[in-house]
Protein backbone atom coordinates (compact mmCIF):
# COMPACT_ATOMS: atom_id res chain seq x y z
CA MET A 1 99.86 123.42 74.26
CA ILE A 2 101.69 120.94 77.10
CA ASP A 3 98.17 118.89 78.40
CA LYS A 4 98.25 117.69 82.14
CA ASN A 5 99.88 114.15 81.45
CA ILE A 6 102.30 115.37 79.23
CA SER A 7 103.33 117.83 82.11
CA ARG A 8 103.80 114.55 84.54
CA LEU A 9 105.20 112.19 82.36
CA ARG A 10 108.15 115.18 82.02
CA ARG A 11 108.45 115.44 85.41
CA ALA A 12 108.96 111.52 86.19
CA ALA A 13 111.56 111.17 83.52
CA LYS A 14 113.71 113.78 85.40
CA THR A 15 113.03 111.89 88.17
CA ARG A 16 114.40 108.42 86.78
CA ILE A 17 117.66 109.76 85.11
CA LYS A 18 118.77 110.71 88.65
CA ILE A 19 117.27 107.68 90.66
CA GLN A 20 119.29 105.34 87.43
CA GLN A 21 122.19 107.47 89.18
CA LEU A 22 121.56 105.95 92.51
CA LYS A 23 122.33 102.42 91.69
CA THR A 24 119.43 101.30 93.81
CA ALA A 25 116.03 99.72 93.58
CA ARG A 26 113.27 101.91 92.81
CA LEU A 27 109.56 102.09 94.63
CA ALA A 28 107.73 103.10 91.42
CA VAL A 29 104.11 104.15 92.40
CA HIS A 30 101.09 104.81 89.52
CA ARG A 31 97.50 105.82 90.63
CA THR A 32 94.31 105.94 89.02
CA ASN A 33 91.02 107.31 89.79
CA THR A 34 90.10 104.02 91.41
CA HIS A 35 93.06 102.06 92.10
CA ILE A 36 97.16 102.08 93.35
CA TYR A 37 100.01 100.56 92.37
CA ALA A 38 103.49 100.03 93.74
CA GLN A 39 106.23 98.32 91.89
CA LEU A 40 109.88 97.34 93.37
CA VAL A 41 111.67 97.44 90.17
CA SER A 42 115.44 96.07 89.64
CA THR A 43 118.45 98.24 89.87
CA ASP A 44 119.30 97.93 86.44
CA GLY A 45 115.21 98.87 85.72
CA ALA A 46 114.93 95.85 83.94
CA ARG A 47 112.38 93.59 85.56
CA ILE A 48 109.56 94.24 88.64
CA LEU A 49 110.67 92.28 91.46
CA THR A 50 107.59 92.28 93.49
CA SER A 51 104.48 94.88 93.06
CA ALA A 52 101.12 95.67 95.25
CA SER A 53 97.88 97.08 94.09
CA THR A 54 94.65 97.76 95.61
CA VAL A 55 93.36 95.22 92.11
CA GLU A 56 94.56 92.13 94.52
CA LYS A 57 92.66 90.19 96.12
CA ASP A 58 93.92 90.43 99.54
CA VAL A 59 93.28 94.07 99.72
CA ARG A 60 89.83 93.86 98.10
CA ILE A 61 89.07 91.92 100.78
CA THR A 62 89.89 94.15 103.22
CA ILE A 63 89.64 97.79 101.57
CA PRO A 64 86.49 98.08 99.30
CA ASN A 65 87.34 101.27 97.54
CA GLY A 66 90.48 101.64 96.51
CA GLY A 67 91.16 104.91 95.78
CA ASN A 68 91.47 106.46 99.39
CA VAL A 69 94.46 107.31 101.23
CA ALA A 70 93.50 104.46 103.40
CA ALA A 71 93.98 101.98 100.62
CA ALA A 72 97.06 103.92 99.39
CA ALA A 73 98.42 103.05 103.50
CA ALA A 74 97.22 99.30 102.87
CA VAL A 75 99.61 98.82 99.71
CA GLY A 76 102.55 101.19 101.35
CA LYS A 77 102.66 98.44 103.96
CA ARG A 78 101.84 95.80 101.95
CA ILE A 79 104.78 96.56 99.40
CA ALA A 80 107.11 96.96 102.42
CA GLU A 81 106.45 93.75 103.46
CA LYS A 82 106.85 92.16 100.15
CA ALA A 83 110.42 94.49 99.89
CA LYS A 84 111.67 92.68 102.93
CA SER A 85 110.94 89.47 102.08
CA LEU A 86 113.09 89.96 99.28
CA GLY A 87 115.74 91.03 101.37
CA ILE A 88 115.80 94.82 100.49
CA GLU A 89 115.55 97.51 103.04
CA THR A 90 116.80 100.67 100.87
CA VAL A 91 114.83 101.65 97.70
CA ALA A 92 114.35 104.83 95.94
CA PHE A 93 110.92 106.47 95.81
CA ASP A 94 109.74 107.50 92.55
CA ARG A 95 106.74 108.92 92.60
CA SER A 96 106.02 108.88 88.44
CA GLY A 97 105.62 112.88 88.41
CA TYR A 98 102.65 113.04 91.20
CA LYS A 99 102.54 115.41 93.84
CA PHE A 100 104.16 113.88 96.98
CA HIS A 101 100.46 114.63 98.61
CA GLY A 102 97.28 112.51 99.38
CA ARG A 103 97.44 109.37 98.19
CA VAL A 104 101.28 109.14 96.87
CA LYS A 105 102.43 110.29 100.32
CA ALA A 106 100.36 108.07 102.85
CA LEU A 107 101.44 104.89 100.31
CA ALA A 108 105.04 106.69 101.19
CA GLU A 109 104.41 106.64 105.24
CA ALA A 110 102.98 103.30 105.22
CA ALA A 111 106.07 102.10 103.50
CA ARG A 112 108.48 103.78 105.56
CA GLU A 113 106.45 102.85 108.93
CA ALA A 114 106.71 99.29 107.74
CA GLY A 115 110.46 99.32 107.81
CA LEU A 116 111.56 100.51 104.11
CA LYS A 117 114.26 103.26 103.99
CA PHE A 118 114.45 105.99 101.18
């Protein structure tokens, strides 16, 4: 029997193979019940260029609960600002096998509104 997490990781692997062919930076998202994390991974996948999450002190001051849509939107806006400061405007969105719904969708839309293209 395949459990939920193995299924998610299988879906994520298929997405990452496709993203690797695109040769572009990857915006990877990870969510837990209490927090959401976003990382910008280099085109070769070898290093993390920048990251943002609800664990960061600056975000926690403004948003006390990291496990909701508002927190995800704040992280999306923050990662887009950090990416633009590095000169990156186009990325591939890696939702890590999660459905494009709820917090993952809020993060993506906030990043798009802040100027990232994907």
